[in-house]
Amino acid sequence: MLRPSTLDFLKKLAKNNNKFWLEKNKDLFVEAKADFENLITELIVGLAKSNPSLAEVDPKKCIFRIYRDVRFSKNKEPYKTNFGASIGATGKDLGKPLFYLHVQPGGESFLAGGLYMPDSPTLKKVREHILKNSKSLKKSFRKKSLLKNSADFRI
């Protein structure tokens, strides 16, 4: 479970997104990062119960850096104001199926799953599978237990 202090750190970082502030508050960053890593570890353990290929995944290899690449961006803030992690059988290998957790204050957190930028043959297979199984997929998405536990779930 994520501690409130981690979200508090991200809120403060959003208001003070500069190198001086982060260096001055490095202890808060280290603590928040460790807390997020613990959450990812818990998530991996839980997901591995139904997906054994995740059992050996190293949480550190799943977590994205907080440092932004500002070279080609109009937004020159040096740090992301969220923690993110992609959890797949090979860590954050974006060519494979994975889960993505995005933690950000202000109701911006979410958990997603799927493929990110699959190659054409893989995308074709996914689309064919969805078409072939669309009835059971829609039925699964309409389960009351899923809708009840999802604040903003749409098909």
N, C-alpha and C. Protein backbone atom coordinates (compact mmCIF):
# COMPACT_ATOMS: atom_id res chain seq x y z
N MET A 1 0.84 -1.18 0.00
CA MET A 1 0.00 0.00 0.00
C MET A 1 0.88 1.25 0.00
N LEU A 2 0.54 2.19 -0.81
CA LEU A 2 1.32 3.42 -0.93
C LEU A 2 1.02 4.35 0.25
N ARG A 3 2.05 4.91 0.83
CA ARG A 3 1.87 5.83 1.95
C ARG A 3 1.45 7.21 1.45
N PRO A 4 0.65 7.93 2.23
CA PRO A 4 0.25 9.30 1.85
C PRO A 4 1.45 10.22 1.62
N SER A 5 2.55 9.97 2.32
CA SER A 5 3.74 10.83 2.18
C SER A 5 4.31 10.77 0.76
N THR A 6 4.09 9.66 0.06
CA THR A 6 4.58 9.54 -1.32
C THR A 6 3.80 10.47 -2.24
N LEU A 7 2.48 10.48 -2.09
CA LEU A 7 1.66 11.41 -2.88
C LEU A 7 1.96 12.85 -2.49
N ASP A 8 2.21 13.08 -1.21
CA ASP A 8 2.56 14.42 -0.75
C ASP A 8 3.86 14.90 -1.40
N PHE A 9 4.85 14.00 -1.49
CA PHE A 9 6.10 14.34 -2.17
C PHE A 9 5.83 14.75 -3.62
N LEU A 10 5.00 13.97 -4.32
CA LEU A 10 4.71 14.29 -5.73
C LEU A 10 3.99 15.63 -5.87
N LYS A 11 3.10 15.94 -4.94
CA LYS A 11 2.42 17.25 -4.95
C LYS A 11 3.44 18.38 -4.79
N LYS A 12 4.34 18.20 -3.82
CA LYS A 12 5.36 19.23 -3.58
C LYS A 12 6.30 19.38 -4.78
N LEU A 13 6.63 18.25 -5.40
CA LEU A 13 7.50 18.30 -6.58
C LEU A 13 6.82 19.06 -7.72
N ALA A 14 5.51 18.86 -7.88
CA ALA A 14 4.78 19.57 -8.94
C ALA A 14 4.84 21.08 -8.74
N LYS A 15 4.85 21.51 -7.49
CA LYS A 15 4.91 22.95 -7.19
C LYS A 15 6.33 23.50 -7.23
N ASN A 16 7.32 22.62 -7.10
CA ASN A 16 8.72 23.04 -7.02
C ASN A 16 9.58 22.22 -7.97
N ASN A 17 9.20 22.17 -9.21
CA ASN A 17 9.85 21.29 -10.18
C ASN A 17 11.16 21.90 -10.68
N ASN A 18 12.17 21.83 -9.81
CA ASN A 18 13.49 22.35 -10.17
C ASN A 18 14.57 21.57 -9.43
N LYS A 19 15.77 21.61 -9.96
CA LYS A 19 16.89 20.83 -9.44
C LYS A 19 17.24 21.22 -8.01
N PHE A 20 17.22 22.52 -7.72
CA PHE A 20 17.56 22.99 -6.38
C PHE A 20 16.64 22.37 -5.33
N TRP A 21 15.31 22.40 -5.59
CA TRP A 21 14.35 21.86 -4.63
C TRP A 21 14.55 20.35 -4.44
N LEU A 22 14.72 19.62 -5.54
CA LEU A 22 14.86 18.17 -5.42
C LEU A 22 16.15 17.80 -4.68
N GLU A 23 17.22 18.51 -4.95
CA GLU A 23 18.47 18.23 -4.22
C GLU A 23 18.31 18.51 -2.72
N LYS A 24 17.60 19.57 -2.40
CA LYS A 24 17.36 19.94 -1.01
C LYS A 24 16.45 18.91 -0.31
N ASN A 25 15.59 18.27 -1.06
CA ASN A 25 14.63 17.31 -0.51
C ASN A 25 14.89 15.89 -0.99
N LYS A 26 16.15 15.58 -1.23
CA LYS A 26 16.53 14.26 -1.75
C LYS A 26 16.06 13.13 -0.83
N ASP A 27 16.10 13.36 0.48
CA ASP A 27 15.65 12.32 1.41
C ASP A 27 14.17 11.98 1.20
N LEU A 28 13.35 12.99 0.91
CA LEU A 28 11.93 12.74 0.62
C LEU A 28 11.77 11.94 -0.67
N PHE A 29 12.58 12.28 -1.66
CA PHE A 29 12.54 11.57 -2.94
C PHE A 29 12.93 10.11 -2.75
N VAL A 30 14.02 9.87 -2.04
CA VAL A 30 14.51 8.50 -1.82
C VAL A 30 13.44 7.68 -1.08
N GLU A 31 12.81 8.29 -0.09
CA GLU A 31 11.76 7.61 0.68
C GLU A 31 10.54 7.31 -0.20
N ALA A 32 10.11 8.27 -1.00
CA ALA A 32 8.95 8.08 -1.87
C ALA A 32 9.24 7.03 -2.94
N LYS A 33 10.43 7.08 -3.50
CA LYS A 33 10.81 6.10 -4.53
C LYS A 33 10.83 4.69 -3.96
N ALA A 34 11.36 4.54 -2.74
CA ALA A 34 11.39 3.22 -2.09
C ALA A 34 9.97 2.73 -1.80
N ASP A 35 9.10 3.64 -1.40
CA ASP A 35 7.70 3.28 -1.14
C ASP A 35 7.03 2.80 -2.42
N PHE A 36 7.27 3.50 -3.53
CA PHE A 36 6.70 3.09 -4.82
C PHE A 36 7.26 1.73 -5.24
N GLU A 37 8.54 1.53 -5.03
CA GLU A 37 9.15 0.23 -5.36
C GLU A 37 8.52 -0.90 -4.55
N ASN A 38 8.22 -0.63 -3.28
CA ASN A 38 7.54 -1.63 -2.45
C ASN A 38 6.15 -1.94 -3.00
N LEU A 39 5.45 -0.90 -3.45
CA LEU A 39 4.13 -1.11 -4.05
C LEU A 39 4.24 -1.98 -5.29
N ILE A 40 5.22 -1.72 -6.13
CA ILE A 40 5.41 -2.51 -7.35
C ILE A 40 5.75 -3.96 -6.99
N THR A 41 6.55 -4.15 -5.96
CA THR A 41 6.86 -5.51 -5.50
C THR A 41 5.59 -6.23 -5.08
N GLU A 42 4.73 -5.57 -4.30
CA GLU A 42 3.45 -6.16 -3.88
C GLU A 42 2.58 -6.49 -5.09
N LEU A 43 2.55 -5.58 -6.04
CA LEU A 43 1.73 -5.78 -7.24
C LEU A 43 2.24 -6.98 -8.05
N ILE A 44 3.54 -7.10 -8.18
CA ILE A 44 4.13 -8.23 -8.92
C ILE A 44 3.77 -9.55 -8.23
N VAL A 45 3.89 -9.58 -6.91
CA VAL A 45 3.55 -10.80 -6.16
C VAL A 45 2.08 -11.17 -6.40
N GLY A 46 1.20 -10.19 -6.35
CA GLY A 46 -0.22 -10.45 -6.58
C GLY A 46 -0.51 -10.91 -8.00
N LEU A 47 0.08 -10.23 -8.98
CA LEU A 47 -0.14 -10.59 -10.38
C LEU A 47 0.46 -11.95 -10.72
N ALA A 48 1.55 -12.30 -10.07
CA ALA A 48 2.22 -13.58 -10.36
C ALA A 48 1.37 -14.78 -9.96
N LYS A 49 0.41 -14.57 -9.07
CA LYS A 49 -0.48 -15.67 -8.67
C LYS A 49 -1.30 -16.18 -9.85
N SER A 50 -1.69 -15.27 -10.74
CA SER A 50 -2.45 -15.69 -11.92
C SER A 50 -1.61 -15.67 -13.19
N ASN A 51 -0.40 -15.11 -13.10
CA ASN A 51 0.49 -15.05 -14.25
C ASN A 51 1.91 -15.38 -13.79
N PRO A 52 2.23 -16.68 -13.67
CA PRO A 52 3.52 -17.11 -13.12
C PRO A 52 4.75 -16.54 -13.83
N SER A 53 4.61 -16.10 -15.08
CA SER A 53 5.77 -15.54 -15.79
C SER A 53 6.27 -14.25 -15.14
N LEU A 54 5.47 -13.66 -14.26
CA LEU A 54 5.86 -12.42 -13.59
C LEU A 54 6.60 -12.65 -12.28
N ALA A 55 6.65 -13.90 -11.82
CA ALA A 55 7.19 -14.20 -10.49
C ALA A 55 8.63 -13.73 -10.29
N GLU A 56 9.44 -13.78 -11.32
CA GLU A 56 10.86 -13.44 -11.18
C GLU A 56 11.20 -12.02 -11.63
N VAL A 57 10.19 -11.22 -11.91
CA VAL A 57 10.43 -9.86 -12.41
C VAL A 57 11.04 -8.99 -11.30
N ASP A 58 12.08 -8.26 -11.64
CA ASP A 58 12.75 -7.35 -10.72
C ASP A 58 12.02 -6.01 -10.74
N PRO A 59 11.43 -5.59 -9.61
CA PRO A 59 10.69 -4.33 -9.58
C PRO A 59 11.51 -3.13 -10.06
N LYS A 60 12.81 -3.12 -9.78
CA LYS A 60 13.66 -2.00 -10.18
C LYS A 60 13.72 -1.86 -11.70
N LYS A 61 13.58 -2.98 -12.42
CA LYS A 61 13.63 -2.93 -13.87
C LYS A 61 12.29 -2.52 -14.48
N CYS A 62 11.27 -2.39 -13.64
CA CYS A 62 9.93 -2.01 -14.11
C CYS A 62 9.68 -0.51 -13.99
N ILE A 63 10.38 0.13 -13.08
CA ILE A 63 10.10 1.52 -12.72
C ILE A 63 10.78 2.49 -13.67
N PHE A 64 10.00 3.48 -14.10
CA PHE A 64 10.53 4.52 -14.98
C PHE A 64 11.24 5.59 -14.15
N ARG A 65 12.22 6.22 -14.77
CA ARG A 65 12.96 7.30 -14.12
C ARG A 65 12.05 8.51 -13.92
N ILE A 66 12.34 9.29 -12.90
CA ILE A 66 11.56 10.50 -12.65
C ILE A 66 12.11 11.68 -13.47
N TYR A 67 13.31 11.50 -13.98
CA TYR A 67 13.97 12.57 -14.75
C TYR A 67 13.41 12.61 -16.17
N ARG A 68 13.03 13.80 -16.62
CA ARG A 68 12.48 13.97 -17.97
C ARG A 68 13.60 14.30 -18.96
N ASP A 69 13.41 13.88 -20.19
CA ASP A 69 14.30 14.28 -21.28
C ASP A 69 13.68 15.53 -21.89
N VAL A 70 14.25 16.68 -21.60
CA VAL A 70 13.66 17.95 -22.02
C VAL A 70 14.25 18.49 -23.32
N ARG A 71 15.14 17.75 -23.93
CA ARG A 71 15.85 18.26 -25.12
C ARG A 71 14.91 18.68 -26.24
N PHE A 72 13.88 17.89 -26.50
CA PHE A 72 13.00 18.17 -27.64
C PHE A 72 11.59 18.53 -27.19
N SER A 73 11.43 18.91 -25.94
CA SER A 73 10.11 19.18 -25.38
C SER A 73 9.94 20.67 -25.11
N LYS A 74 8.72 21.16 -25.32
CA LYS A 74 8.42 22.54 -24.97
C LYS A 74 8.36 22.71 -23.45
N ASN A 75 7.97 21.64 -22.76
CA ASN A 75 7.93 21.64 -21.30
C ASN A 75 9.34 21.36 -20.79
N LYS A 76 9.95 22.35 -20.20
CA LYS A 76 11.35 22.22 -19.76
C LYS A 76 11.47 21.85 -18.27
N GLU A 77 10.36 21.47 -17.63
CA GLU A 77 10.46 21.03 -16.24
C GLU A 77 11.30 19.75 -16.20
N PRO A 78 12.26 19.69 -15.29
CA PRO A 78 13.21 18.57 -15.32
C PRO A 78 12.70 17.24 -14.77
N TYR A 79 11.55 17.25 -14.05
CA TYR A 79 11.10 16.02 -13.41
C TYR A 79 9.65 15.71 -13.74
N LYS A 80 9.36 14.42 -13.83
CA LYS A 80 7.98 13.97 -13.95
C LYS A 80 7.32 14.18 -12.59
N THR A 81 6.04 14.41 -12.58
CA THR A 81 5.32 14.60 -11.32
C THR A 81 4.47 13.38 -10.99
N ASN A 82 4.94 12.25 -11.48
CA ASN A 82 4.28 10.97 -11.20
C ASN A 82 5.34 9.89 -11.06
N PHE A 83 4.93 8.76 -10.52
CA PHE A 83 5.75 7.55 -10.57
C PHE A 83 5.06 6.61 -11.53
N GLY A 84 5.83 5.92 -12.36
CA GLY A 84 5.26 4.98 -13.32
C GLY A 84 6.08 3.71 -13.38
N ALA A 85 5.39 2.61 -13.67
CA ALA A 85 6.07 1.32 -13.81
C ALA A 85 5.31 0.46 -14.81
N SER A 86 6.05 -0.23 -15.65
CA SER A 86 5.48 -1.21 -16.57
C SER A 86 5.93 -2.59 -16.10
N ILE A 87 4.95 -3.47 -15.90
CA ILE A 87 5.24 -4.79 -15.36
C ILE A 87 4.90 -5.84 -16.41
N GLY A 88 5.93 -6.48 -16.92
CA GLY A 88 5.76 -7.56 -17.88
C GLY A 88 6.75 -8.66 -17.56
N ALA A 89 6.66 -9.74 -18.29
CA ALA A 89 7.53 -10.90 -18.02
C ALA A 89 9.01 -10.55 -18.11
N THR A 90 9.33 -9.51 -18.88
CA THR A 90 10.73 -9.10 -19.02
C THR A 90 10.93 -7.67 -18.51
N GLY A 91 10.21 -7.31 -17.46
CA GLY A 91 10.33 -5.95 -16.93
C GLY A 91 9.48 -5.00 -17.74
N LYS A 92 10.09 -3.94 -18.26
CA LYS A 92 9.31 -2.95 -19.01
C LYS A 92 9.55 -3.03 -20.51
N ASP A 93 9.68 -4.25 -21.03
CA ASP A 93 9.85 -4.47 -22.47
C ASP A 93 8.55 -4.08 -23.17
N LEU A 94 8.57 -2.95 -23.84
CA LEU A 94 7.34 -2.39 -24.40
C LEU A 94 6.78 -3.16 -25.58
N GLY A 95 7.51 -4.11 -26.12
CA GLY A 95 6.99 -4.90 -27.23
C GLY A 95 6.18 -6.10 -26.80
N LYS A 96 6.06 -6.31 -25.49
CA LYS A 96 5.38 -7.48 -24.95
C LYS A 96 4.16 -7.04 -24.12
N PRO A 97 3.23 -7.97 -23.85
CA PRO A 97 2.09 -7.62 -22.99
C PRO A 97 2.58 -7.21 -21.61
N LEU A 98 1.95 -6.18 -21.05
CA LEU A 98 2.36 -5.71 -19.74
C LEU A 98 1.24 -4.96 -19.05
N PHE A 99 1.46 -4.70 -17.77
CA PHE A 99 0.60 -3.84 -16.97
C PHE A 99 1.37 -2.54 -16.75
N TYR A 100 0.63 -1.43 -16.66
CA TYR A 100 1.27 -0.14 -16.40
C TYR A 100 0.57 0.50 -15.21
N LEU A 101 1.33 0.91 -14.21
CA LEU A 101 0.79 1.64 -13.07
C LEU A 101 1.34 3.06 -13.09
N HIS A 102 0.44 4.02 -13.01
CA HIS A 102 0.77 5.44 -13.03
C HIS A 102 0.22 6.01 -11.73
N VAL A 103 1.09 6.54 -10.88
CA VAL A 103 0.67 7.13 -9.61
C VAL A 103 0.94 8.62 -9.65
N GLN A 104 -0.15 9.39 -9.52
CA GLN A 104 -0.05 10.85 -9.58
C GLN A 104 -1.17 11.43 -8.73
N PRO A 105 -0.88 12.41 -7.90
CA PRO A 105 -1.91 13.03 -7.06
C PRO A 105 -3.01 13.68 -7.89
N GLY A 106 -4.12 13.96 -7.23
CA GLY A 106 -5.22 14.68 -7.88
C GLY A 106 -6.13 13.79 -8.70
N GLY A 107 -6.21 12.52 -8.36
CA GLY A 107 -7.10 11.61 -9.09
C GLY A 107 -6.59 11.22 -10.46
N GLU A 108 -5.30 11.35 -10.69
CA GLU A 108 -4.71 11.05 -12.00
C GLU A 108 -4.06 9.67 -12.06
N SER A 109 -4.14 8.89 -10.99
CA SER A 109 -3.52 7.56 -10.97
C SER A 109 -4.38 6.57 -11.74
N PHE A 110 -3.73 5.59 -12.36
CA PHE A 110 -4.48 4.55 -13.06
C PHE A 110 -3.62 3.31 -13.26
N LEU A 111 -4.30 2.19 -13.50
CA LEU A 111 -3.65 0.92 -13.82
C LEU A 111 -4.19 0.50 -15.17
N ALA A 112 -3.31 0.13 -16.07
CA ALA A 112 -3.71 -0.27 -17.42
C ALA A 112 -2.99 -1.56 -17.79
N GLY A 113 -3.47 -2.18 -18.83
CA GLY A 113 -2.81 -3.39 -19.31
C GLY A 113 -2.95 -3.49 -20.81
N GLY A 114 -2.00 -4.15 -21.43
CA GLY A 114 -2.07 -4.34 -22.87
C GLY A 114 -0.71 -4.34 -23.52
N LEU A 115 -0.70 -3.91 -24.77
CA LEU A 115 0.52 -3.83 -25.56
C LEU A 115 0.76 -2.37 -25.92
N TYR A 116 2.00 -1.94 -25.86
CA TYR A 116 2.35 -0.59 -26.26
C TYR A 116 3.13 -0.67 -27.56
N MET A 117 2.59 -0.06 -28.59
CA MET A 117 3.22 0.00 -29.90
C MET A 117 3.65 -1.38 -30.42
N PRO A 118 2.71 -2.32 -30.50
CA PRO A 118 3.08 -3.64 -31.03
C PRO A 118 3.44 -3.56 -32.51
N ASP A 119 4.26 -4.50 -32.97
CA ASP A 119 4.57 -4.53 -34.39
C ASP A 119 3.32 -4.97 -35.16
N SER A 120 3.31 -4.78 -36.47
CA SER A 120 2.12 -5.05 -37.29
C SER A 120 1.59 -6.47 -37.17
N PRO A 121 2.43 -7.52 -37.26
CA PRO A 121 1.90 -8.88 -37.15
C PRO A 121 1.24 -9.14 -35.78
N THR A 122 1.83 -8.62 -34.72
CA THR A 122 1.26 -8.81 -33.38
C THR A 122 -0.05 -8.06 -33.26
N LEU A 123 -0.11 -6.84 -33.75
CA LEU A 123 -1.33 -6.05 -33.70
C LEU A 123 -2.45 -6.74 -34.47
N LYS A 124 -2.13 -7.31 -35.61
CA LYS A 124 -3.13 -8.04 -36.40
C LYS A 124 -3.69 -9.22 -35.61
N LYS A 125 -2.82 -9.97 -34.94
CA LYS A 125 -3.26 -11.12 -34.12
C LYS A 125 -4.17 -10.66 -32.98
N VAL A 126 -3.82 -9.57 -32.33
CA VAL A 126 -4.63 -9.04 -31.23
C VAL A 126 -6.00 -8.64 -31.74
N ARG A 127 -6.05 -7.93 -32.84
CA ARG A 127 -7.34 -7.50 -33.41
C ARG A 127 -8.20 -8.69 -33.80
N GLU A 128 -7.59 -9.69 -34.41
CA GLU A 128 -8.34 -10.90 -34.79
C GLU A 128 -8.89 -11.61 -33.55
N HIS A 129 -8.08 -11.68 -32.51
CA HIS A 129 -8.52 -12.33 -31.27
C HIS A 129 -9.70 -11.56 -30.64
N ILE A 130 -9.61 -10.24 -30.63
CA ILE A 130 -10.69 -9.42 -30.07
C ILE A 130 -11.97 -9.63 -30.88
N LEU A 131 -11.88 -9.61 -32.20
CA LEU A 131 -13.07 -9.83 -33.03
C LEU A 131 -13.67 -11.20 -32.79
N LYS A 132 -12.83 -12.19 -32.71
CA LYS A 132 -13.29 -13.57 -32.51
C LYS A 132 -13.95 -13.75 -31.14
N ASN A 133 -13.50 -13.02 -30.14
CA ASN A 133 -13.97 -13.19 -28.77
C ASN A 133 -14.72 -11.97 -28.23
N SER A 134 -15.28 -11.16 -29.11
CA SER A 134 -15.88 -9.89 -28.67
C SER A 134 -17.07 -10.09 -27.73
N LYS A 135 -17.87 -11.12 -27.94
CA LYS A 135 -19.04 -11.33 -27.07
C LYS A 135 -18.61 -11.62 -25.64
N SER A 136 -17.67 -12.53 -25.47
CA SER A 136 -17.23 -12.86 -24.11
C SER A 136 -16.46 -11.70 -23.48
N LEU A 137 -15.76 -10.93 -24.30
CA LEU A 137 -15.03 -9.76 -23.79
C LEU A 137 -16.02 -8.72 -23.27
N LYS A 138 -17.05 -8.41 -24.06
CA LYS A 138 -18.06 -7.43 -23.62
C LYS A 138 -18.77 -7.91 -22.36
N LYS A 139 -19.07 -9.21 -22.30
CA LYS A 139 -19.73 -9.78 -21.12
C LYS A 139 -18.84 -9.60 -19.88
N SER A 140 -17.56 -9.84 -20.03
CA SER A 140 -16.62 -9.67 -18.91
C SER A 140 -16.58 -8.22 -18.45
N PHE A 141 -16.58 -7.29 -19.39
CA PHE A 141 -16.50 -5.87 -19.05
C PHE A 141 -17.77 -5.35 -18.39
N ARG A 142 -18.88 -6.04 -18.58
CA ARG A 142 -20.15 -5.59 -18.01
C ARG A 142 -20.44 -6.20 -16.64
N LYS A 143 -19.53 -6.98 -16.11
CA LYS A 143 -19.73 -7.59 -14.79
C LYS A 143 -19.88 -6.49 -13.75
N LYS A 144 -20.91 -6.64 -12.92
CA LYS A 144 -21.18 -5.63 -11.89
C LYS A 144 -20.00 -5.44 -10.94
N SER A 145 -19.30 -6.53 -10.62
CA SER A 145 -18.17 -6.41 -9.69
C SER A 145 -17.07 -5.54 -10.28
N LEU A 146 -16.86 -5.60 -11.57
CA LEU A 146 -15.84 -4.77 -12.22
C LEU A 146 -16.29 -3.32 -12.24
N LEU A 147 -17.54 -3.09 -12.63
CA LEU A 147 -18.05 -1.72 -12.72
C LEU A 147 -18.13 -1.06 -11.34
N LYS A 148 -18.49 -1.84 -10.34
CA LYS A 148 -18.60 -1.31 -8.98
C LYS A 148 -17.25 -0.84 -8.44
N ASN A 149 -16.19 -1.53 -8.80
CA ASN A 149 -14.86 -1.21 -8.28
C ASN A 149 -14.06 -0.29 -9.18
N SER A 150 -14.68 0.24 -10.21
CA SER A 150 -13.97 1.11 -11.15
C SER A 150 -14.68 2.45 -11.20
N ALA A 151 -14.00 3.49 -10.80
CA ALA A 151 -14.61 4.82 -10.75
C ALA A 151 -14.99 5.33 -12.14
N ASP A 152 -14.19 5.03 -13.13
CA ASP A 152 -14.43 5.57 -14.47
C ASP A 152 -14.07 4.51 -15.50
N PHE A 153 -14.95 3.53 -15.64
CA PHE A 153 -14.66 2.42 -16.55
C PHE A 153 -15.58 2.52 -17.75
N ARG A 154 -14.99 2.51 -18.94
CA ARG A 154 -15.78 2.62 -20.18
C ARG A 154 -15.35 1.54 -21.15
N ILE A 155 -16.32 1.08 -21.97
CA ILE A 155 -15.98 0.15 -23.05
C ILE A 155 -16.11 0.90 -24.37
